Each structure stands twice: as structure tokens, then as C-alpha cells.
Amino acid sequence: MIGFIIAGLIIGALARLVKPGKQNLGWIATLLLGLAGSVIGGLIANLLGTGGIFELNVVGFIVAVIAAVALIGVAEGMAGRRKVGH
């Protein structure tokens, strides 16, 4: 479980580096989005037959980073809408 959390933090950090522009997310949000990206990446890798859901491999890692980038974009969009609405 600790390894999964560390992988989520790494994936979240990589996603922030890959995504252009400044992100207004804290490290906890980055960790949570990285963890969600890890689960999505593991699920897709499992569906492709390259490994288990919690067994992060190359395909799962790449998909996890892509998923985390997308999740960060969605989170920023939602946060931006809340600020504009006030």
C-alpha cells in the first residue's frame, strides 16, 4: 500500500510536469489525482492483459500519467469555474 501511495505521488508529480502551464493544486490534490491515475492505468493495463490492476508496469505507468494529466486538467477546470462564479 505504501508503494502504491509513493507511485501515486510520482505519477501525480510527473503529470504536473507534463501538463503545460501553472497548476493551482496542492500536493495532497496531486497525490490523490496521481493515485486515481494509477488505478485507471492499472485497470486499463489489466484490460489489455499486461498485468494486474495494482501491478504497475510500463503500459500501466504511461496510461496512469496520461490519466493523471487529464484528471489535473479537469480539477483545474472545476476550480476555475468556482472562482469565476463568486
N, C-alpha and C. Protein backbone atom coordinates (compact mmCIF):
# COMPACT_ATOMS: atom_id res chain seq x y z
N MET A 1 0.82 -1.19 0.00
CA MET A 1 0.00 0.00 0.00
C MET A 1 0.87 1.26 0.00
N ILE A 2 1.95 1.24 0.77
CA ILE A 2 2.85 2.40 0.80
C ILE A 2 3.48 2.60 -0.57
N GLY A 3 3.84 1.51 -1.23
CA GLY A 3 4.39 1.60 -2.58
C GLY A 3 3.40 2.21 -3.55
N PHE A 4 2.13 1.86 -3.38
CA PHE A 4 1.08 2.41 -4.24
C PHE A 4 0.94 3.91 -4.03
N ILE A 5 1.04 4.36 -2.78
CA ILE A 5 0.95 5.79 -2.47
C ILE A 5 2.16 6.53 -3.06
N ILE A 6 3.33 5.94 -2.92
CA ILE A 6 4.54 6.56 -3.49
C ILE A 6 4.44 6.63 -5.00
N ALA A 7 3.96 5.55 -5.63
CA ALA A 7 3.77 5.56 -7.09
C ALA A 7 2.77 6.63 -7.49
N GLY A 8 1.70 6.79 -6.71
CA GLY A 8 0.71 7.83 -7.00
C GLY A 8 1.29 9.22 -6.91
N LEU A 9 2.16 9.44 -5.92
CA LEU A 9 2.80 10.74 -5.77
C LEU A 9 3.73 11.01 -6.95
N ILE A 10 4.49 10.00 -7.36
CA ILE A 10 5.39 10.15 -8.50
C ILE A 10 4.60 10.41 -9.78
N ILE A 11 3.52 9.65 -9.97
CA ILE A 11 2.70 9.83 -11.17
C ILE A 11 2.05 11.21 -11.17
N GLY A 12 1.56 11.66 -10.02
CA GLY A 12 0.98 12.99 -9.93
C GLY A 12 2.01 14.08 -10.23
N ALA A 13 3.22 13.91 -9.69
CA ALA A 13 4.29 14.90 -9.95
C ALA A 13 4.67 14.91 -11.43
N LEU A 14 4.78 13.73 -12.04
CA LEU A 14 5.09 13.66 -13.48
C LEU A 14 3.98 14.30 -14.30
N ALA A 15 2.74 14.07 -13.90
CA ALA A 15 1.62 14.66 -14.62
C ALA A 15 1.67 16.18 -14.56
N ARG A 16 2.05 16.71 -13.40
CA ARG A 16 2.16 18.17 -13.28
C ARG A 16 3.30 18.71 -14.14
N LEU A 17 4.38 17.93 -14.27
CA LEU A 17 5.49 18.36 -15.11
C LEU A 17 5.12 18.31 -16.59
N VAL A 18 4.34 17.30 -16.97
CA VAL A 18 3.95 17.11 -18.37
C VAL A 18 2.93 18.15 -18.80
N LYS A 19 2.01 18.48 -17.90
CA LYS A 19 0.94 19.42 -18.24
C LYS A 19 1.50 20.84 -18.29
N PRO A 20 1.30 21.50 -19.43
CA PRO A 20 1.84 22.86 -19.55
C PRO A 20 1.07 23.85 -18.68
N GLY A 21 1.75 24.92 -18.34
CA GLY A 21 1.13 25.98 -17.55
C GLY A 21 1.27 25.75 -16.06
N LYS A 22 0.80 26.73 -15.30
CA LYS A 22 0.89 26.67 -13.84
C LYS A 22 -0.37 26.01 -13.30
N GLN A 23 -0.18 25.03 -12.42
CA GLN A 23 -1.32 24.37 -11.80
C GLN A 23 -1.50 24.91 -10.38
N ASN A 24 -2.74 25.17 -10.03
CA ASN A 24 -3.05 25.69 -8.70
C ASN A 24 -3.56 24.57 -7.80
N LEU A 25 -2.80 23.49 -7.73
CA LEU A 25 -3.18 22.34 -6.89
C LEU A 25 -2.10 22.12 -5.84
N GLY A 26 -2.53 21.76 -4.65
CA GLY A 26 -1.58 21.43 -3.59
C GLY A 26 -1.04 20.02 -3.76
N TRP A 27 -0.12 19.65 -2.87
CA TRP A 27 0.49 18.33 -3.00
C TRP A 27 -0.47 17.21 -2.64
N ILE A 28 -1.45 17.49 -1.78
CA ILE A 28 -2.44 16.45 -1.44
C ILE A 28 -3.32 16.17 -2.65
N ALA A 29 -3.76 17.23 -3.34
CA ALA A 29 -4.57 17.04 -4.55
C ALA A 29 -3.75 16.32 -5.62
N THR A 30 -2.48 16.66 -5.72
CA THR A 30 -1.60 15.98 -6.68
C THR A 30 -1.49 14.51 -6.35
N LEU A 31 -1.32 14.19 -5.07
CA LEU A 31 -1.24 12.79 -4.64
C LEU A 31 -2.52 12.05 -4.95
N LEU A 32 -3.65 12.63 -4.63
CA LEU A 32 -4.93 11.96 -4.86
C LEU A 32 -5.19 11.75 -6.36
N LEU A 33 -4.88 12.75 -7.17
CA LEU A 33 -5.07 12.60 -8.61
C LEU A 33 -4.07 11.61 -9.20
N GLY A 34 -2.87 11.57 -8.64
CA GLY A 34 -1.89 10.57 -9.06
C GLY A 34 -2.34 9.16 -8.70
N LEU A 35 -2.93 9.00 -7.51
CA LEU A 35 -3.46 7.70 -7.11
C LEU A 35 -4.62 7.28 -8.01
N ALA A 36 -5.49 8.23 -8.33
CA ALA A 36 -6.60 7.91 -9.24
C ALA A 36 -6.06 7.54 -10.61
N GLY A 37 -5.05 8.26 -11.08
CA GLY A 37 -4.41 7.92 -12.36
C GLY A 37 -3.77 6.55 -12.31
N SER A 38 -3.19 6.19 -11.17
CA SER A 38 -2.59 4.85 -11.02
C SER A 38 -3.63 3.76 -11.15
N VAL A 39 -4.77 3.97 -10.50
CA VAL A 39 -5.84 2.97 -10.58
C VAL A 39 -6.35 2.86 -12.01
N ILE A 40 -6.56 3.99 -12.67
CA ILE A 40 -7.02 3.97 -14.06
C ILE A 40 -5.99 3.28 -14.95
N GLY A 41 -4.71 3.62 -14.77
CA GLY A 41 -3.66 2.99 -15.56
C GLY A 41 -3.58 1.49 -15.33
N GLY A 42 -3.70 1.08 -14.06
CA GLY A 42 -3.67 -0.35 -13.74
C GLY A 42 -4.87 -1.07 -14.32
N LEU A 43 -6.03 -0.43 -14.27
CA LEU A 43 -7.25 -1.03 -14.82
C LEU A 43 -7.13 -1.22 -16.33
N ILE A 44 -6.65 -0.20 -17.03
CA ILE A 44 -6.50 -0.30 -18.48
C ILE A 44 -5.43 -1.33 -18.84
N ALA A 45 -4.33 -1.35 -18.10
CA ALA A 45 -3.28 -2.35 -18.36
C ALA A 45 -3.83 -3.76 -18.12
N ASN A 46 -4.67 -3.91 -17.10
CA ASN A 46 -5.28 -5.20 -16.83
C ASN A 46 -6.21 -5.61 -17.97
N LEU A 47 -6.98 -4.66 -18.47
CA LEU A 47 -7.89 -4.95 -19.58
C LEU A 47 -7.12 -5.32 -20.85
N LEU A 48 -5.92 -4.74 -21.01
CA LEU A 48 -5.08 -5.06 -22.16
C LEU A 48 -4.31 -6.36 -21.97
N GLY A 49 -4.37 -6.90 -20.75
CA GLY A 49 -3.71 -8.17 -20.47
C GLY A 49 -2.22 -8.06 -20.18
N THR A 50 -1.75 -6.87 -19.77
CA THR A 50 -0.32 -6.69 -19.50
C THR A 50 0.03 -6.82 -18.03
N GLY A 51 -0.96 -6.92 -17.15
CA GLY A 51 -0.68 -7.06 -15.72
C GLY A 51 -1.93 -6.83 -14.91
N GLY A 52 -1.79 -6.98 -13.59
CA GLY A 52 -2.90 -6.77 -12.68
C GLY A 52 -3.17 -5.29 -12.45
N ILE A 53 -4.30 -5.00 -11.82
CA ILE A 53 -4.70 -3.61 -11.58
C ILE A 53 -3.68 -2.90 -10.70
N PHE A 54 -3.23 -3.54 -9.64
CA PHE A 54 -2.29 -2.90 -8.72
C PHE A 54 -0.84 -3.26 -9.03
N GLU A 55 -0.61 -3.90 -10.15
CA GLU A 55 0.74 -4.25 -10.60
C GLU A 55 1.12 -3.27 -11.70
N LEU A 56 1.74 -2.18 -11.32
CA LEU A 56 2.06 -1.13 -12.27
C LEU A 56 3.23 -1.55 -13.13
N ASN A 57 3.01 -1.58 -14.45
CA ASN A 57 4.05 -1.91 -15.40
C ASN A 57 4.21 -0.74 -16.37
N VAL A 58 4.99 -0.92 -17.41
CA VAL A 58 5.28 0.20 -18.32
C VAL A 58 4.01 0.74 -18.95
N VAL A 59 3.17 -0.14 -19.49
CA VAL A 59 1.93 0.32 -20.13
C VAL A 59 1.04 1.00 -19.09
N GLY A 60 0.88 0.36 -17.94
CA GLY A 60 0.07 0.95 -16.89
C GLY A 60 0.61 2.28 -16.40
N PHE A 61 1.93 2.40 -16.31
CA PHE A 61 2.55 3.64 -15.86
C PHE A 61 2.29 4.77 -16.85
N ILE A 62 2.45 4.48 -18.14
CA ILE A 62 2.21 5.51 -19.17
C ILE A 62 0.75 5.94 -19.16
N VAL A 63 -0.15 4.97 -19.11
CA VAL A 63 -1.58 5.29 -19.07
C VAL A 63 -1.92 6.04 -17.79
N ALA A 64 -1.29 5.68 -16.68
CA ALA A 64 -1.54 6.35 -15.41
C ALA A 64 -1.13 7.82 -15.47
N VAL A 65 0.01 8.12 -16.07
CA VAL A 65 0.45 9.51 -16.19
C VAL A 65 -0.52 10.28 -17.09
N ILE A 66 -0.93 9.68 -18.21
CA ILE A 66 -1.89 10.34 -19.11
C ILE A 66 -3.21 10.59 -18.38
N ALA A 67 -3.68 9.59 -17.65
CA ALA A 67 -4.93 9.75 -16.90
C ALA A 67 -4.79 10.84 -15.84
N ALA A 68 -3.66 10.88 -15.15
CA ALA A 68 -3.45 11.90 -14.12
C ALA A 68 -3.39 13.30 -14.73
N VAL A 69 -2.79 13.44 -15.92
CA VAL A 69 -2.77 14.74 -16.61
C VAL A 69 -4.20 15.17 -16.91
N ALA A 70 -5.00 14.24 -17.41
CA ALA A 70 -6.40 14.55 -17.71
C ALA A 70 -7.16 14.92 -16.43
N LEU A 71 -6.93 14.19 -15.36
CA LEU A 71 -7.60 14.49 -14.09
C LEU A 71 -7.19 15.84 -13.54
N ILE A 72 -5.92 16.19 -13.67
CA ILE A 72 -5.46 17.50 -13.23
C ILE A 72 -6.14 18.60 -14.03
N GLY A 73 -6.26 18.38 -15.34
CA GLY A 73 -6.96 19.36 -16.19
C GLY A 73 -8.41 19.53 -15.77
N VAL A 74 -9.09 18.43 -15.47
CA VAL A 74 -10.48 18.50 -15.02
C VAL A 74 -10.57 19.22 -13.68
N ALA A 75 -9.68 18.88 -12.75
CA ALA A 75 -9.69 19.51 -11.43
C ALA A 75 -9.44 21.02 -11.53
N GLU A 76 -8.52 21.41 -12.40
CA GLU A 76 -8.25 22.84 -12.57
C GLU A 76 -9.45 23.54 -13.19
N GLY A 77 -10.09 22.87 -14.15
CA GLY A 77 -11.28 23.46 -14.77
C GLY A 77 -12.39 23.66 -13.77
N MET A 78 -12.59 22.69 -12.89
CA MET A 78 -13.62 22.82 -11.87
C MET A 78 -13.27 23.90 -10.86
N ALA A 79 -12.01 23.99 -10.48
CA ALA A 79 -11.58 25.02 -9.53
C ALA A 79 -11.70 26.40 -10.16
N GLY A 80 -11.40 26.50 -11.45
CA GLY A 80 -11.51 27.78 -12.14
C GLY A 80 -12.94 28.26 -12.23
N ARG A 81 -13.87 27.34 -12.45
CA ARG A 81 -15.28 27.70 -12.53
C ARG A 81 -15.80 28.19 -11.17
N ARG A 82 -15.31 27.57 -10.10
CA ARG A 82 -15.75 28.00 -8.76
C ARG A 82 -15.28 29.42 -8.47
N LYS A 83 -14.05 29.76 -8.89
CA LYS A 83 -13.52 31.10 -8.63
C LYS A 83 -14.26 32.14 -9.45
N VAL A 84 -14.62 31.79 -10.71
CA VAL A 84 -15.31 32.73 -11.58
C VAL A 84 -16.74 32.96 -11.09
N GLY A 85 -17.36 31.92 -10.54
CA GLY A 85 -18.74 32.01 -10.08
C GLY A 85 -18.94 32.89 -8.86
N HIS A 86 -17.89 33.20 -8.13
CA HIS A 86 -18.03 34.01 -6.90
C HIS A 86 -18.06 35.44 -7.19
